[in-house]
Protein backbone atom coordinates (compact mmCIF):
# COMPACT_ATOMS: atom_id res chain seq x y z
CA MET A 1 124.83 155.37 -30.49
CA ILE A 2 128.02 154.66 -28.57
CA GLN A 3 127.72 157.98 -26.77
CA SER A 4 124.11 157.21 -25.83
CA PHE A 5 125.11 153.80 -24.50
CA ALA A 6 128.03 155.23 -22.50
CA PHE A 7 125.75 157.86 -21.01
CA SER A 8 123.15 155.22 -20.00
CA PHE A 9 125.85 153.02 -18.51
CA LEU A 10 127.30 155.87 -16.53
CA PHE A 11 123.84 156.88 -15.31
CA LEU A 12 122.97 153.32 -14.19
CA PHE A 13 126.39 152.90 -12.55
CA CYS A 14 126.00 156.09 -10.55
CA PHE A 15 122.42 155.23 -9.63
CA TYR A 16 123.26 151.75 -8.29
CA PHE A 17 126.43 153.05 -6.69
CA PHE A 18 124.34 155.64 -4.82
CA ILE A 19 121.75 153.01 -3.79
CA PHE A 20 124.48 150.64 -2.58
CA TYR A 21 126.22 153.21 -0.49
CA PHE A 22 122.95 154.59 0.85
CA LEU A 23 121.99 151.11 2.09
CA PHE A 24 125.51 150.48 3.36
CA PHE A 25 125.63 153.69 5.39
CA SER A 26 122.09 153.17 6.65
CA VAL A 27 123.06 149.79 8.07
CA PHE A 28 126.32 151.23 9.37
CA ILE A 29 124.61 154.13 11.13
CA PHE A 30 122.03 151.77 12.64
CA PHE A 31 124.71 149.64 14.26
CA PHE A 32 126.70 152.75 15.13
CA LEU A 33 123.78 154.11 17.10
CA HIS A 34 122.65 150.78 18.51
CA PHE A 35 126.02 149.95 20.04
CA SER A 36 126.62 153.47 21.36
CA LEU A 37 129.74 154.22 19.34
CA ILE A 38 129.18 157.97 19.29
CA PRO A 39 129.89 160.52 22.03
CA LYS A 40 127.72 160.30 25.12
CA TYR A 41 126.42 163.82 24.88
CA ILE A 42 124.33 163.12 21.75
CA ARG A 43 120.72 162.35 22.78
CA PHE A 44 117.13 163.03 21.93
CA GLU A 45 114.18 163.46 24.28
CA ASN A 46 113.07 160.07 25.67
CA PHE A 47 115.58 158.30 23.42
CA TYR A 48 119.25 157.88 24.30
CA ILE A 49 121.60 156.92 21.52
CA THR A 50 124.30 155.94 24.01
CA MET A 51 124.74 153.60 26.94
CA PRO A 52 124.33 155.46 30.25
CA ASP A 53 126.14 154.44 33.44
CA VAL A 54 122.96 153.80 35.42
CA LEU A 55 119.30 153.50 34.54
CA ILE A 56 116.80 153.65 37.40
CA LYS A 57 113.44 152.20 36.35
CA ASN A 58 110.07 151.85 38.03
CA VAL A 59 110.20 154.83 40.37
CA ARG A 60 107.85 157.71 41.08
CA LEU A 61 108.83 161.36 41.17
CA LEU A 62 106.95 164.32 42.60
CA ALA A 63 105.78 166.63 39.80
CA ASP A 64 103.32 169.45 40.43
CA GLY A 65 102.30 167.86 43.70
CA VAL A 66 101.58 164.44 42.16
CA LEU A 67 103.69 161.28 42.17
CA THR A 68 104.22 160.20 38.56
CA PRO A 69 106.04 157.17 37.05
CA ALA A 70 109.53 157.99 35.85
CA GLU A 71 112.95 156.70 34.90
CA ILE A 72 116.26 158.37 35.74
CA LEU A 73 119.48 158.26 33.74
CA ILE A 74 122.86 158.83 35.38
CA GLU A 75 126.22 159.43 33.70
CA ASN A 76 129.49 160.29 35.42
CA GLY A 77 127.71 160.78 38.72
CA LYS A 78 125.22 163.31 37.34
CA VAL A 79 121.55 163.04 36.52
CA THR A 80 121.40 163.40 32.74
CA GLY A 81 117.78 162.62 32.01
CA ILE A 82 114.36 162.12 33.58
CA ALA A 83 111.42 160.84 31.57
CA LYS A 84 108.45 158.53 31.81
CA GLU A 85 110.36 155.96 29.77
CA PHE A 86 113.70 155.75 27.97
CA ARG A 87 113.88 153.49 24.94
CA ILE A 88 117.31 152.04 25.55
CA SER A 89 118.39 148.44 25.96
CA GLU A 90 121.96 148.77 27.22
CA TYR A 91 123.47 150.39 30.31
CA ASP A 92 126.25 149.72 32.76
CA ALA A 93 123.84 149.14 35.65
CA LEU A 94 120.09 148.81 36.05
CA ILE A 95 118.28 149.63 39.29
CA ASP A 96 114.69 148.45 39.60
CA GLY A 97 112.99 150.89 41.94
CA LYS A 98 110.03 148.55 42.45
CA ASN A 99 107.59 151.49 42.45
CA ALA A 100 109.56 153.36 45.15
CA VAL A 101 109.41 157.14 45.45
CA ALA A 102 112.63 158.90 44.41
CA ILE A 103 113.60 162.18 46.08
CA PRO A 104 116.83 164.17 46.44
CA ALA A 105 119.02 162.74 49.17
CA GLY A 106 119.21 164.80 52.33
CA ILE A 107 121.72 167.49 53.18
CA ASP A 108 122.40 167.67 56.92
CA ALA A 109 124.00 171.05 57.52
CA HIS A 110 124.67 170.45 61.20
CA VAL A 111 126.64 167.41 62.37
CA HIS A 112 129.36 166.77 64.93
CA PHE A 113 131.22 163.62 63.87
CA ARG A 114 133.71 164.08 66.76
CA ASP A 115 136.67 163.38 64.49
CA PRO A 116 139.46 164.21 65.24
CA GLY A 117 139.94 164.03 68.98
CA MET A 118 136.80 162.27 70.26
CA THR A 119 136.58 159.29 67.93
CA TYR A 120 135.45 156.97 70.71
CA LYS A 121 132.08 158.77 70.38
CA GLU A 122 131.92 158.84 66.56
CA ASN A 123 134.25 159.20 63.59
CA TRP A 124 134.02 160.09 59.93
CA TYR A 125 133.43 156.48 58.87
CA THR A 126 130.76 155.53 61.41
CA GLY A 127 129.10 158.94 61.15
CA SER A 128 128.98 158.88 57.36
CA CYS A 129 127.68 155.29 57.32
CA SER A 130 124.94 156.33 59.72
CA ALA A 131 124.11 159.28 57.46
CA ALA A 132 123.95 157.14 54.30
CA ALA A 133 121.73 154.51 55.91
CA GLY A 134 119.33 157.31 56.80
CA GLY A 135 119.29 158.95 53.35
CA ILE A 136 121.84 161.74 53.95
CA THR A 137 124.61 162.06 51.34
CA THR A 138 126.00 165.50 52.20
CA VAL A 139 126.93 166.94 55.59
CA LEU A 140 128.46 170.12 56.95
CA GLU A 141 130.65 169.25 59.91
CA HIS A 142 130.90 171.79 62.70
CA PRO A 143 134.19 172.97 64.17
CA ASN A 144 134.20 171.98 67.87
CA THR A 145 136.44 168.92 67.59
CA LEU A 146 139.83 168.40 69.26
CA PRO A 147 141.61 170.37 68.00
CA PRO A 148 138.92 172.75 66.78
CA VAL A 149 138.91 174.12 63.23
CA ILE A 150 140.19 177.56 64.15
CA ASP A 151 143.39 177.63 62.08
CA LYS A 152 145.13 175.95 59.17
CA SER A 153 146.42 172.93 61.07
CA GLY A 154 143.01 172.24 62.61
CA PHE A 155 141.37 172.49 59.19
CA TYR A 156 143.81 170.15 57.47
CA LEU A 157 143.71 167.61 60.27
CA LYS A 158 139.94 167.32 59.92
CA LEU A 159 140.14 167.30 56.11
CA LYS A 160 142.67 164.46 56.26
CA GLN A 161 140.44 162.35 58.49
CA ALA A 162 137.33 163.05 56.40
CA LYS A 163 138.99 162.21 53.10
CA LYS A 164 140.35 158.99 54.54
CA LYS A 165 137.11 157.75 56.11
CA SER A 166 133.94 159.42 54.83
CA ILE A 167 131.67 157.58 52.40
CA ILE A 168 129.55 160.71 51.76
CA ASP A 169 130.35 164.20 50.51
CA PHE A 170 131.14 166.82 53.10
CA GLY A 171 131.91 170.43 53.87
CA ILE A 172 133.92 171.70 56.84
CA ASN A 173 132.91 174.74 58.89
CA GLY A 174 135.37 177.17 60.44
CA GLY A 175 135.36 177.94 64.15
CA VAL A 176 135.16 181.40 65.68
CA THR A 177 136.80 182.13 69.03
CA ASN A 178 139.44 184.80 69.56
CA ASN A 179 140.97 183.80 66.22
CA LEU A 180 139.68 186.74 64.17
CA GLU A 181 143.00 187.07 62.37
CA LYS A 182 142.60 183.46 61.12
CA LEU A 183 139.12 183.78 59.59
CA THR A 184 140.36 185.03 56.21
CA GLU A 185 142.86 182.18 56.06
CA LEU A 186 140.18 179.61 56.86
CA TRP A 187 137.91 181.07 54.18
CA ALA A 188 140.69 180.81 51.61
CA LEU A 189 141.34 177.19 52.61
CA GLY A 190 137.75 176.29 51.76
CA VAL A 191 135.57 176.26 54.88
CA ASN A 192 131.93 176.27 53.90
CA CYS A 193 130.79 178.81 56.49
CA PHE A 194 131.66 179.95 60.01
CA GLY A 195 130.09 178.29 63.00
CA GLU A 196 128.27 177.27 64.79
CA ILE A 197 129.36 180.37 66.65
CA PHE A 198 128.54 179.79 70.31
CA MET A 199 126.96 182.64 72.25
CA ALA A 200 126.80 180.41 75.35
CA GLU A 201 128.77 177.54 76.85
CA SER A 202 128.44 174.18 75.08
CA THR A 203 130.51 171.15 74.08
CA GLY A 204 134.00 172.25 73.09
CA GLY A 205 134.12 175.50 75.04
CA LEU A 206 134.14 177.80 71.99
CA ASN A 207 131.66 180.37 73.33
CA ILE A 208 132.54 184.03 72.76
CA SER A 209 131.52 187.45 74.07
CA ASN A 210 129.15 189.81 72.27
CA ASP A 211 132.07 192.14 71.48
CA THR A 212 133.98 189.33 69.79
CA LEU A 213 130.79 188.28 68.01
CA GLY A 214 130.39 191.76 66.51
CA SER A 215 133.95 191.85 65.21
CA ALA A 216 133.58 188.34 63.80
CA LEU A 217 130.29 189.10 62.03
CA SER A 218 131.82 192.17 60.40
CA LYS A 219 134.79 190.19 59.14
CA ILE A 220 132.58 187.35 57.90
CA GLY A 221 130.39 189.94 56.16
CA GLN A 222 133.38 191.34 54.31
CA MET A 223 133.96 187.85 52.89
CA GLU A 224 130.25 187.49 51.95
CA ALA A 225 130.17 184.26 53.95
CA VAL A 226 127.53 182.80 56.28
CA ALA A 227 127.70 182.95 60.08
CA ALA A 228 125.91 180.00 61.72
CA ILE A 229 124.82 181.06 65.20
CA HIS A 230 124.18 179.00 68.34
CA ALA A 231 121.88 181.50 70.06
CA GLU A 232 121.67 181.15 73.82
CA ASP A 233 122.21 183.91 76.35
CA ASP A 234 125.02 182.96 78.71
CA ALA A 235 124.17 185.53 81.39
CA LEU A 236 120.67 184.14 81.87
CA ARG A 237 122.02 180.59 81.81
CA LEU A 238 124.49 181.36 84.61
CA GLN A 239 121.83 183.16 86.62
CA ASN A 240 119.47 180.20 86.39
CA GLU A 241 122.21 177.74 87.27
CA LYS A 242 122.60 179.54 90.61
CA LEU A 243 118.86 179.72 91.21
CA LEU A 244 118.41 176.01 90.46
CA LEU A 245 121.61 174.84 92.12
CA ASN A 246 119.91 172.17 94.21
CA ASP A 247 117.30 171.17 91.63
CA ASN A 248 118.09 167.83 89.98
CA SER A 249 114.73 167.09 88.39
CA ASP A 250 114.61 165.53 84.92
CA ASP A 251 113.60 168.80 83.20
CA VAL A 252 115.96 171.14 85.05
CA HIS A 253 118.18 171.63 81.99
CA SER A 254 115.19 173.04 80.09
CA ARG A 255 114.52 175.48 82.93
CA ILE A 256 118.15 176.58 83.18
CA ARG A 257 118.03 177.44 79.46
CA PRO A 258 114.37 178.53 78.98
CA ASN A 259 112.77 179.99 75.84
CA GLU A 260 113.84 183.44 76.97
CA CYS A 261 117.48 182.34 76.83
CA GLU A 262 117.21 181.79 73.06
CA GLU A 263 115.01 184.85 72.54
CA ILE A 264 117.54 187.19 74.18
CA ALA A 265 120.45 185.77 72.21
CA VAL A 266 118.66 185.98 68.85
CA ARG A 267 117.67 189.59 69.53
CA ASN A 268 121.23 190.49 70.55
CA CYS A 269 122.76 188.78 67.54
CA LEU A 270 120.46 190.58 65.10
CA LYS A 271 121.18 193.95 66.73
CA ILE A 272 124.92 193.35 66.76
CA ASN A 273 124.93 192.32 63.12
CA GLU A 274 122.90 195.35 62.00
CA ALA A 275 125.23 197.67 63.92
CA GLU A 276 128.29 196.46 62.01
CA LYS A 277 129.56 198.37 58.99
CA THR A 278 129.37 195.20 56.88
CA PRO A 279 126.59 192.95 58.20
CA THR A 280 126.74 189.33 57.18
CA ASN A 281 124.43 186.47 56.24
CA ILE A 282 123.04 184.95 59.43
CA HIS A 283 121.84 181.37 59.86
CA PHE A 284 120.42 180.46 63.25
CA CYS A 285 121.16 176.87 64.20
CA HIS A 286 118.63 174.59 65.98
CA THR A 287 115.97 177.28 66.48
CA SER A 288 113.55 175.92 69.08
CA THR A 289 111.13 178.60 70.28
CA PRO A 290 108.21 180.65 68.94
CA GLU A 291 109.81 183.78 70.37
CA ALA A 292 113.02 183.31 68.37
CA VAL A 293 111.13 182.53 65.16
CA ALA A 294 109.06 185.72 65.57
CA LEU A 295 112.23 187.82 65.92
CA ILE A 296 113.85 186.18 62.90
CA ASP A 297 110.74 186.65 60.77
CA ALA A 298 110.48 190.33 61.72
CA ALA A 299 114.17 190.88 60.97
CA ARG A 300 113.81 189.17 57.59
CA LYS A 301 110.89 191.39 56.63
CA ASP A 302 112.73 194.51 57.77
CA LEU A 303 115.85 193.48 55.86
CA GLN A 304 113.85 192.81 52.71
CA ALA A 305 112.17 196.21 52.93
CA LYS A 306 115.52 197.97 53.34
CA GLN A 307 117.08 196.06 50.49
CA ASN A 308 114.13 196.85 48.21
CA GLN A 309 114.59 200.54 49.02
CA MET A 310 118.32 200.34 48.27
CA ILE A 311 117.75 198.57 44.98
CA GLU A 312 115.15 201.14 43.91
CA LYS A 313 117.38 204.00 44.98
CA ASN A 314 120.44 202.75 43.14
CA LYS A 315 119.08 200.80 40.17
CA ASN A 316 119.75 203.56 37.60
CA LYS A 317 123.17 204.50 38.93
CA ASP A 318 126.59 203.24 38.01
CA PRO A 319 128.30 201.27 40.80
CA ALA A 320 130.66 204.17 41.43
CA GLU A 321 127.72 206.53 41.99
CA ARG A 322 125.76 204.35 44.38
CA THR A 323 125.21 205.68 47.87
CA SER A 324 127.48 204.45 50.63
CA ASP A 325 124.68 202.53 52.33
CA TYR A 326 124.23 200.23 49.33
CA GLN A 327 124.86 196.72 50.69
CA ILE A 328 125.24 193.24 49.34
CA LEU A 329 121.93 191.40 49.51
CA ARG A 330 121.98 189.34 52.69
CA HIS A 331 119.77 186.65 54.07
CA ILE A 332 118.62 185.59 57.53
CA THR A 333 117.67 181.93 57.79
CA CYS A 334 117.09 179.34 60.47
CA GLU A 335 116.89 175.58 60.98
CA VAL A 336 115.07 173.30 63.39
CA THR A 337 116.13 169.88 64.65
CA PRO A 338 113.97 166.74 64.73
CA HIS A 339 114.28 166.63 68.52
CA HIS A 340 112.68 170.07 68.73
CA LEU A 341 109.88 168.88 66.44
CA PHE A 342 109.13 165.40 67.74
CA LEU A 343 110.28 165.52 71.39
CA SER A 344 109.41 167.89 74.24
CA THR A 345 109.72 168.31 77.99
CA LYS A 346 107.05 165.66 78.43
CA ASP A 347 109.75 163.18 77.31
CA CYS A 348 112.26 164.31 79.97
CA GLY A 349 111.06 161.73 82.49
CA ARG A 350 111.49 158.91 79.97
CA LEU A 351 114.76 160.05 78.43
CA LYS A 352 116.40 161.62 81.50
CA THR A 353 120.01 162.53 80.59
CA PHE A 354 119.56 160.98 77.12
CA GLY A 355 117.24 163.89 76.36
CA LYS A 356 119.77 166.56 77.34
CA MET A 357 121.03 168.83 74.56
CA ASN A 358 121.65 172.53 73.84
CA PRO A 359 119.28 174.23 73.32
CA PRO A 360 117.16 171.95 75.52
CA LEU A 361 113.84 170.27 74.93
CA ARG A 362 110.92 172.71 74.97
CA ASP A 363 107.35 172.46 76.18
CA PRO A 364 104.86 170.62 73.91
CA LYS A 365 103.28 173.85 72.63
CA SER A 366 106.66 175.16 71.48
CA ALA A 367 107.37 171.89 69.68
CA GLU A 368 103.99 172.02 67.99
CA TYR A 369 104.61 175.62 66.94
CA MET A 370 107.99 174.72 65.43
CA MET A 371 106.33 172.18 63.13
CA THR A 372 103.82 174.82 62.04
CA ALA A 373 106.65 177.29 61.43
CA LEU A 374 108.51 174.70 59.36
CA ARG A 375 105.42 173.83 57.34
CA THR A 376 104.55 177.48 56.60
CA GLY A 377 108.04 178.63 55.65
CA LEU A 378 109.04 180.60 58.74
CA VAL A 379 111.73 177.98 59.39
CA ASN A 380 113.89 177.22 56.36
CA ALA A 381 115.56 173.88 56.99
CA VAL A 382 115.83 170.78 59.13
CA ALA A 383 119.23 169.71 60.49
CA SER A 384 120.00 166.95 62.98
CA ASP A 385 122.62 168.59 65.22
CA HIS A 386 124.01 165.06 65.42
CA ALA A 387 126.09 165.24 68.60
CA PRO A 388 126.73 161.72 69.94
CA HIS A 389 128.05 160.67 73.34
CA ARG A 390 128.55 157.14 74.58
CA THR A 391 126.00 155.54 76.88
CA TYR A 392 128.33 155.45 79.87
CA GLU A 393 128.91 159.20 79.53
CA LYS A 394 125.18 159.88 79.64
CA GLU A 395 124.50 157.56 82.57
CA THR A 396 125.19 160.12 85.28
CA ALA A 397 123.50 163.01 87.09
CA ILE A 398 121.50 165.36 84.90
CA LYS A 399 123.79 168.36 85.47
CA ALA A 400 126.97 166.36 84.98
CA ALA A 401 125.88 164.61 81.78
CA PRO A 402 127.19 165.98 78.48
CA SER A 403 124.72 167.72 76.16
CA GLY A 404 123.96 166.24 72.77
CA VAL A 405 122.03 163.46 71.01
CA PRO A 406 122.63 161.44 67.84
CA GLY A 407 120.29 162.11 64.91
CA VAL A 408 121.85 162.04 61.44
CA GLU A 409 120.44 158.58 60.60
CA THR A 410 116.92 159.33 61.84
CA LEU A 411 116.42 162.81 60.33
CA MET A 412 115.01 161.70 56.97
CA PRO A 413 113.04 158.70 58.34
CA LEU A 414 111.32 160.91 60.94
CA MET A 415 110.50 163.56 58.36
CA LEU A 416 109.13 161.01 55.89
CA ALA A 417 106.99 159.53 58.65
CA ALA A 418 105.73 163.06 59.37
CA VAL A 419 104.74 163.38 55.70
CA ARG A 420 102.78 160.14 55.96
CA LYS A 421 101.01 161.55 59.02
CA ASN A 422 100.11 164.71 57.04
CA MET A 423 102.18 166.95 59.29
CA LEU A 424 103.72 168.51 56.17
CA SER A 425 103.72 167.84 52.44
CA LEU A 426 106.34 165.80 50.62
CA GLU A 427 107.17 168.89 48.55
CA ARG A 428 107.88 170.90 51.70
CA MET A 429 109.86 168.03 53.19
CA ILE A 430 112.11 167.98 50.11
CA GLU A 431 112.58 171.75 50.36
CA VAL A 432 113.70 171.73 53.99
CA THR A 433 115.96 168.66 53.76
CA SER A 434 117.72 169.25 50.43
CA ARG A 435 116.84 172.30 48.32
CA ASN A 436 116.97 174.97 51.02
CA PRO A 437 120.15 173.72 52.71
CA ALA A 438 121.82 173.69 49.28
CA ARG A 439 120.77 177.28 48.64
CA ILE A 440 121.59 178.62 52.11
CA PHE A 441 125.09 177.15 52.16
CA ASP A 442 125.93 177.60 48.47
CA LEU A 443 125.97 173.88 47.71
CA GLU A 444 123.73 174.31 44.68
CA ARG A 445 126.85 175.68 42.99
CA LEU A 446 128.43 172.25 43.52
CA GLY A 447 125.52 170.25 42.10
CA LYS A 448 123.73 169.49 45.35
CA GLY A 449 120.13 169.70 46.51
CA PHE A 450 118.06 168.93 43.41
CA LEU A 451 116.96 165.84 41.53
CA LYS A 452 117.17 167.14 37.98
CA PRO A 453 119.55 166.99 35.00
CA GLY A 454 122.92 168.57 35.63
CA PHE A 455 122.94 167.92 39.37
CA ASP A 456 124.69 165.17 41.31
CA ALA A 457 122.79 161.89 41.36
CA ASP A 458 122.26 162.01 45.14
CA ILE A 459 119.02 160.07 45.41
CA VAL A 460 116.92 158.31 48.03
CA LEU A 461 114.42 155.60 47.10
CA PHE A 462 111.77 154.79 49.70
CA ASP A 463 108.46 153.00 50.10
CA PRO A 464 106.00 155.41 51.75
CA LYS A 465 104.10 152.45 53.22
CA ASP A 466 107.14 150.87 54.83
CA VAL A 467 106.84 152.40 58.30
CA GLN A 468 109.36 150.92 60.71
CA VAL A 469 109.91 151.25 64.44
CA ILE A 470 113.17 153.05 65.17
CA LYS A 471 115.52 150.84 67.16
CA ALA A 472 119.04 151.71 68.25
CA LYS A 473 120.27 148.20 67.47
CA ASN A 474 119.53 148.79 63.77
CA LEU A 475 121.38 152.11 63.56
CA HIS A 476 125.00 152.70 62.61
CA THR A 477 126.18 155.46 64.93
CA ARG A 478 129.04 154.54 67.23
CA CYS A 479 127.20 155.78 70.32
CA GLU A 480 124.68 152.91 70.02
CA TRP A 481 121.55 154.68 71.29
CA THR A 482 118.86 157.06 70.03
CA PRO A 483 116.36 159.38 71.75
CA TYR A 484 113.80 158.29 69.12
CA GLU A 485 113.67 154.66 70.25
CA GLY A 486 110.22 153.21 69.50
CA MET A 487 109.09 156.05 67.24
CA ASP A 488 107.98 155.64 63.61
CA GLY A 489 110.37 156.14 60.73
CA ILE A 490 110.43 155.49 56.99
CA PHE A 491 113.97 154.42 56.11
CA PRO A 492 115.51 154.40 52.63
CA ALA A 493 115.25 151.31 50.47
CA MET A 494 118.33 152.66 48.72
CA THR A 495 120.67 155.65 49.00
CA LEU A 496 122.80 156.81 46.07
CA SER A 497 125.57 159.40 46.10
CA ARG A 498 126.78 160.64 42.72
CA GLY A 499 125.26 157.52 41.18
CA ASP A 500 126.99 155.09 43.56
CA VAL A 501 124.81 152.91 45.77
CA LEU A 502 125.88 153.51 49.37
CA TRP A 503 123.01 151.75 51.14
CA ASP A 504 121.00 148.95 49.55
CA GLY A 505 118.35 148.73 52.24
CA SER A 506 120.18 146.20 54.36
CA GLN A 507 123.86 147.09 54.39
CA ILE A 508 126.46 149.73 53.56
CA ILE A 509 128.27 148.79 50.35
CA ALA A 510 130.38 151.92 49.81
CA LYS A 511 134.13 152.12 50.23
CA LYS A 512 135.63 154.12 53.04
CA GLY A 513 137.06 157.39 51.73
CA ARG A 514 134.87 157.74 48.61
CA GLY A 515 133.35 160.99 49.88
CA SER A 516 134.37 164.27 48.24
CA PHE A 517 135.26 167.54 49.92
CA LEU A 518 132.87 170.38 49.03
CA PRO A 519 134.89 173.59 49.35
CA GLY A 520 133.34 176.93 50.16
CA LYS A 521 133.28 179.59 47.48
CA GLY A 522 136.17 181.43 49.13
CA ARG A 523 138.67 178.65 48.51
CA ARG A 524 141.70 179.85 46.61
CA PRO A 525 142.37 177.99 43.35
CA ASP A 526 146.01 177.67 44.39
CA ALA A 527 145.28 176.43 47.94
CA ASP A 528 147.70 173.54 48.36
CA GLU A 529 146.68 170.93 50.89
CA PHE A 530 148.97 170.57 53.89
CA ASP A 531 151.04 173.49 52.63
CA GLY A 532 153.17 174.72 55.49
CA VAL A 533 151.66 172.32 58.04
CA ASP A 534 153.91 170.00 59.99
CA ASP A 535 152.90 166.35 59.43
CA ARG A 536 153.17 165.82 63.16
CA ASP A 537 150.25 168.23 63.57
CA LEU A 538 148.14 165.91 61.40
CA ILE A 539 148.33 162.87 63.68
CA ASP A 540 145.18 161.95 65.59
CA GLU A 541 146.27 160.28 68.81
CA ASN A 542 143.05 158.25 68.95
CA GLU A 543 143.24 157.14 65.33
CA MET A 544 145.43 154.07 65.74
CA GLU A 545 143.53 152.59 68.67
CA ASN A 546 140.17 153.15 66.98
CA GLU A 547 141.03 152.19 63.41
CA GLU A 548 140.19 148.50 63.76
CA GLU A 549 136.90 149.30 65.51
CA ASP A 550 135.74 151.45 62.59
CA GLU A 551 134.96 148.38 60.52
């Protein structure tokens, strides 16, 4: 009897003990999950157990060609989730998109921020603010500053200025002159690519001969880097300058550097590259003519055919047994600028010297063709070639005026307005302003170019109905003018970089110097900044006098 009672007591004790602790742990786990006391990486689809850094609600994303409602979660600067709705109640910050469209922020792979050396025109702070206000959060800065990025000291001087001032992420391109022995060093320091490599005279005086170009392309090919080419034939330019010596008409610059000037240079560059033992990846900057696009397209097709033959020939062989002509897969790509899409020689009379750039404005048919080529995939990317000069520098005779126009802040607004006008699809616009630049310049490796989990939360929110008139007084570039004055643009309602709001639709709210350097894939892990460089070489003479004006 006693044994039976003891057994019953023990059974009831264990039963109620189990029930008590089951209820206790159930309540404990509920509060544990509710208040996000477990590691941030634990999550289920559409339900986050933890508190994310940022939740963006009430936006629309493009999916299979259709805009669909969505929410975006951001943690540690990365997109960590996208769903129609997340059932969470706590977060560090909430952004109400107010039914805006969310797309990847733009990557402008061709800017000249003039810093160091010409900071009265632009600098890393004013240029990056202009970029952010226009929906650009990543730029590749080209090398023709003072001093140019043609050696270690030039590279570190620019890197110092960019890290101190830029509010957006950035890469730095290496210059190519007669510095062939420095290219390997620049690659190891972290330049993103080489160029633009000037085949004709332009701002900075870095143009080189075809012989030097061939040697440079071979060396760049050995490093598996990208050569960005400014393709204009200098011989034809000089010939036309003599023929048109006394011609000062508004469109004379376009006739000094006609379509043929670009066509000849592209053809020569492709031939030179193919003749080298180790051809390289070629990217043609600011392509502006149907003739050049046709040559690039033919070369791409020929390259693809040759590479397919090589792959087939060598696919069953060990690397040591492959034939000597087996080459690394290369690519040939090209970009177009907004001024070669939306402006033409018919604007020369209105713009005068403010429409002068290299390569120059083309006839309306060429501009129309370039939009078709962009829409159909013959042209891979859009880049601004942001090259500002002050108004007083431009207000002179057409042949004396410097070449270059600002454009980093108006690139995305012009392209979004073009989407609204059915000139190209939103999907294609995203490809040419973010995805393709990221792929061409190996920025995808660094989390750039895509709005999806695992990538940087570089995001633009915009209202597709909010068409504004572009006015220079509303822009942020230091040069204080734009060739697109009076044209339509759709500007961002908000720009985010790695989850930080840079532009809230009315003002820049980011701190100077928050931008991160995006090193090229050749950067040595042990590359020490400023190693072996005299600090005196890192002083920008214009920096002190311009520092107060930056704000």
